[in-house]
C-alpha atoms as a PDB file:
ATOM      1  CA  MET A   1      -5.400  -6.252  11.551  1.00  0.00           C
ATOM      2  CA  ASN A   2      -2.794  -7.069  14.195  1.00  0.00           C
ATOM      3  CA  LEU A   3       0.404  -6.972  12.159  1.00  0.00           C
ATOM      4  CA  GLN A   4       3.510  -4.876  12.804  1.00  0.00           C
ATOM      5  CA  PRO A   5       5.721  -4.520   9.718  1.00  0.00           C
ATOM      6  CA  LEU A   6       9.464  -4.883  10.202  1.00  0.00           C
ATOM      7  CA  ALA A   7      12.267  -2.557   9.085  1.00  0.00           C
ATOM      8  CA  ASP A   8      11.243  -0.259   6.187  1.00  0.00           C
ATOM      9  CA  ARG A   9       8.090  -2.197   5.267  1.00  0.00           C
ATOM     10  CA  ILE A  10       4.577  -0.766   5.321  1.00  0.00           C
ATOM     11  CA  ILE A  11       1.087  -2.270   5.220  1.00  0.00           C
ATOM     12  CA  VAL A  12      -1.283  -0.680   2.690  1.00  0.00           C
ATOM     13  CA  HIS A  13      -5.034  -1.167   2.277  1.00  0.00           C
ATOM     14  CA  PRO A  14      -5.684  -0.785  -1.495  1.00  0.00           C
ATOM     15  CA  LEU A  15      -8.477   1.592  -2.470  1.00  0.00           C
ATOM     16  CA  GLU A  16     -11.207   0.160  -4.677  1.00  0.00           C
ATOM     17  CA  ALA A  17     -10.898   0.508  -8.451  1.00  0.00           C
ATOM     18  CA  GLN A  18     -13.465   2.747 -10.127  1.00  0.00           C
ATOM     19  CA  ASP A  19     -16.648   1.080 -11.418  1.00  0.00           C
ATOM     20  CA  VAL A  20     -17.463   3.843 -13.920  1.00  0.00           C
ATOM     21  CA  THR A  21     -15.147   5.645 -16.352  1.00  0.00           C
ATOM     22  CA  LYS A  22     -15.129   9.424 -16.741  1.00  0.00           C
ATOM     23  CA  GLY A  23     -17.300   8.978 -19.848  1.00  0.00           C
ATOM     24  CA  GLY A  24     -19.947   7.086 -17.846  1.00  0.00           C
ATOM     25  CA  ILE A  25     -19.154   3.554 -19.041  1.00  0.00           C
ATOM     26  CA  VAL A  26     -19.746   0.923 -16.339  1.00  0.00           C
ATOM     27  CA  LEU A  27     -16.832  -1.521 -16.068  1.00  0.00           C
ATOM     28  CA  PRO A  28     -17.343  -5.191 -15.196  1.00  0.00           C
ATOM     29  CA  ASP A  29     -15.056  -6.762 -12.565  1.00  0.00           C
ATOM     30  CA  THR A  30     -12.974  -8.480 -15.251  1.00  0.00           C
ATOM     31  CA  ALA A  31     -12.119  -5.162 -16.941  1.00  0.00           C
ATOM     32  CA  LYS A  32     -11.036  -3.317 -13.789  1.00  0.00           C
ATOM     33  CA  GLU A  33      -7.338  -2.634 -13.418  1.00  0.00           C
ATOM     34  CA  LYS A  34      -5.455  -3.555 -10.283  1.00  0.00           C
ATOM     35  CA  PRO A  35      -5.562  -0.516  -7.940  1.00  0.00           C
ATOM     36  CA  GLN A  36      -2.392   1.538  -7.569  1.00  0.00           C
ATOM     37  CA  GLU A  37      -3.590   3.746  -4.730  1.00  0.00           C
ATOM     38  CA  GLY A  38      -4.011   2.821  -1.091  1.00  0.00           C
ATOM     39  CA  LYS A  39      -4.068   3.968   2.507  1.00  0.00           C
ATOM     40  CA  VAL A  40      -1.137   3.205   4.818  1.00  0.00           C
ATOM     41  CA  VAL A  41      -2.331   1.146   7.791  1.00  0.00           C
ATOM     42  CA  ALA A  42       0.949   0.399   9.612  1.00  0.00           C
ATOM     43  CA  VAL A  43       4.607   1.408   9.304  1.00  0.00           C
ATOM     44  CA  GLY A  44       7.820  -0.316  10.400  1.00  0.00           C
ATOM     45  CA  LYS A  45      10.541   1.364  12.493  1.00  0.00           C
ATOM     46  CA  GLY A  46      12.892   1.991   9.577  1.00  0.00           C
ATOM     47  CA  ARG A  47      15.822   0.641   7.617  1.00  0.00           C
ATOM     48  CA  ARG A  48      19.096  -0.127   9.413  1.00  0.00           C
ATOM     49  CA  ASP A  49      22.249   0.799   7.471  1.00  0.00           C
ATOM     50  CA  ASP A  50      25.672  -0.904   7.543  1.00  0.00           C
ATOM     51  CA  LYS A  51      26.727   1.098  10.620  1.00  0.00           C
ATOM     52  CA  GLY A  52      23.615   0.096  12.585  1.00  0.00           C
ATOM     53  CA  VAL A  53      21.911   3.484  12.334  1.00  0.00           C
ATOM     54  CA  VAL A  54      18.118   3.272  11.873  1.00  0.00           C
ATOM     55  CA  HIS A  55      16.664   5.561   9.194  1.00  0.00           C
ATOM     56  CA  PRO A  56      12.970   6.071  10.031  1.00  0.00           C
ATOM     57  CA  VAL A  57      10.247   5.612   7.411  1.00  0.00           C
ATOM     58  CA  GLU A  58       8.945   8.891   5.933  1.00  0.00           C
ATOM     59  CA  LEU A  59       5.364   7.615   5.701  1.00  0.00           C
ATOM     60  CA  LYS A  60       2.847   7.467   8.537  1.00  0.00           C
ATOM     61  CA  SER A  61      -0.421   5.662   9.141  1.00  0.00           C
ATOM     62  CA  GLY A  62      -3.292   7.348   7.309  1.00  0.00           C
ATOM     63  CA  ASP A  63      -1.229   8.548   4.316  1.00  0.00           C
ATOM     64  CA  VAL A  64      -2.767   7.852   0.900  1.00  0.00           C
ATOM     65  CA  VAL A  65      -0.038   6.643  -1.448  1.00  0.00           C
ATOM     66  CA  LEU A  66       0.528   5.646  -5.065  1.00  0.00           C
ATOM     67  CA  TYR A  67       2.554   2.499  -5.685  1.00  0.00           C
ATOM     68  CA  GLY A  68       3.653   0.327  -8.612  1.00  0.00           C
ATOM     69  CA  LYS A  69       1.043  -1.927 -10.210  1.00  0.00           C
ATOM     70  CA  TYR A  70       2.665  -5.177  -9.068  1.00  0.00           C
ATOM     71  CA  SER A  71       4.327  -3.948  -5.851  1.00  0.00           C
ATOM     72  CA  GLY A  72       4.163  -5.773  -2.558  1.00  0.00           C
ATOM     73  CA  SER A  73       2.869  -9.096  -1.300  1.00  0.00           C
ATOM     74  CA  GLU A  74      -0.892  -9.506  -1.037  1.00  0.00           C
ATOM     75  CA  ILE A  75      -2.370 -10.863   2.212  1.00  0.00           C
ATOM     76  CA  LYS A  76      -5.939 -11.287   3.482  1.00  0.00           C
ATOM     77  CA  ASP A  77      -7.195 -10.931   7.035  1.00  0.00           C
ATOM     78  CA  LYS A  78      -9.845 -13.079   8.729  1.00  0.00           C
ATOM     79  CA  LYS A  79     -12.643 -10.840   7.403  1.00  0.00           C
ATOM     80  CA  GLY A  80     -11.423 -11.240   3.826  1.00  0.00           C
ATOM     81  CA  ASP A  81     -10.026  -7.704   3.461  1.00  0.00           C
ATOM     82  CA  THR A  82      -6.970  -7.447   1.216  1.00  0.00           C
ATOM     83  CA  TYR A  83      -3.751  -5.713   2.292  1.00  0.00           C
ATOM     84  CA  LEU A  84      -0.328  -5.278   0.718  1.00  0.00           C
ATOM     85  CA  ILE A  85       3.000  -5.508   2.537  1.00  0.00           C
ATOM     86  CA  MET A  86       5.671  -3.574   0.655  1.00  0.00           C
ATOM     87  CA  ARG A  87       8.920  -1.730   1.176  1.00  0.00           C
ATOM     88  CA  GLU A  88       8.945   2.038   1.492  1.00  0.00           C
ATOM     89  CA  GLU A  89      10.932   2.256  -1.777  1.00  0.00           C
ATOM     90  CA  ASP A  90       7.962   0.707  -3.667  1.00  0.00           C
ATOM     91  CA  VAL A  91       5.860   3.809  -2.921  1.00  0.00           C
ATOM     92  CA  LEU A  92       5.956   6.294  -5.784  1.00  0.00           C
ATOM     93  CA  ALA A  93       4.185   9.286  -4.194  1.00  0.00           C
ATOM     94  CA  ILE A  94       1.994  10.537  -1.346  1.00  0.00           C
ATOM     95  CA  VAL A  95      -1.399  11.895  -2.443  1.00  0.00           C
ATOM     96  CA  LYS A  96      -2.095  15.277  -0.811  1.00  0.00           C
END
């Protein structure tokens, strides 16, 4: 993917939803929830404040993050892979 996010935006590749529950029940595609975990693919330079100072993004490429269920704008690349473009503030946590 040849995209460079602007300002405090990031590009996230959502991780696949689980096919089987902890109890061993296999879920069909229609019952799967929208994933809320993904891997950061690209990061913008940062947010510019009123005085023109750039505040860099805390995240970096390769971080696995948790985000809100309906956060970001969904895009697809030429191969059909799905990505999300969202602001840094839409990220809830970094998975360590």
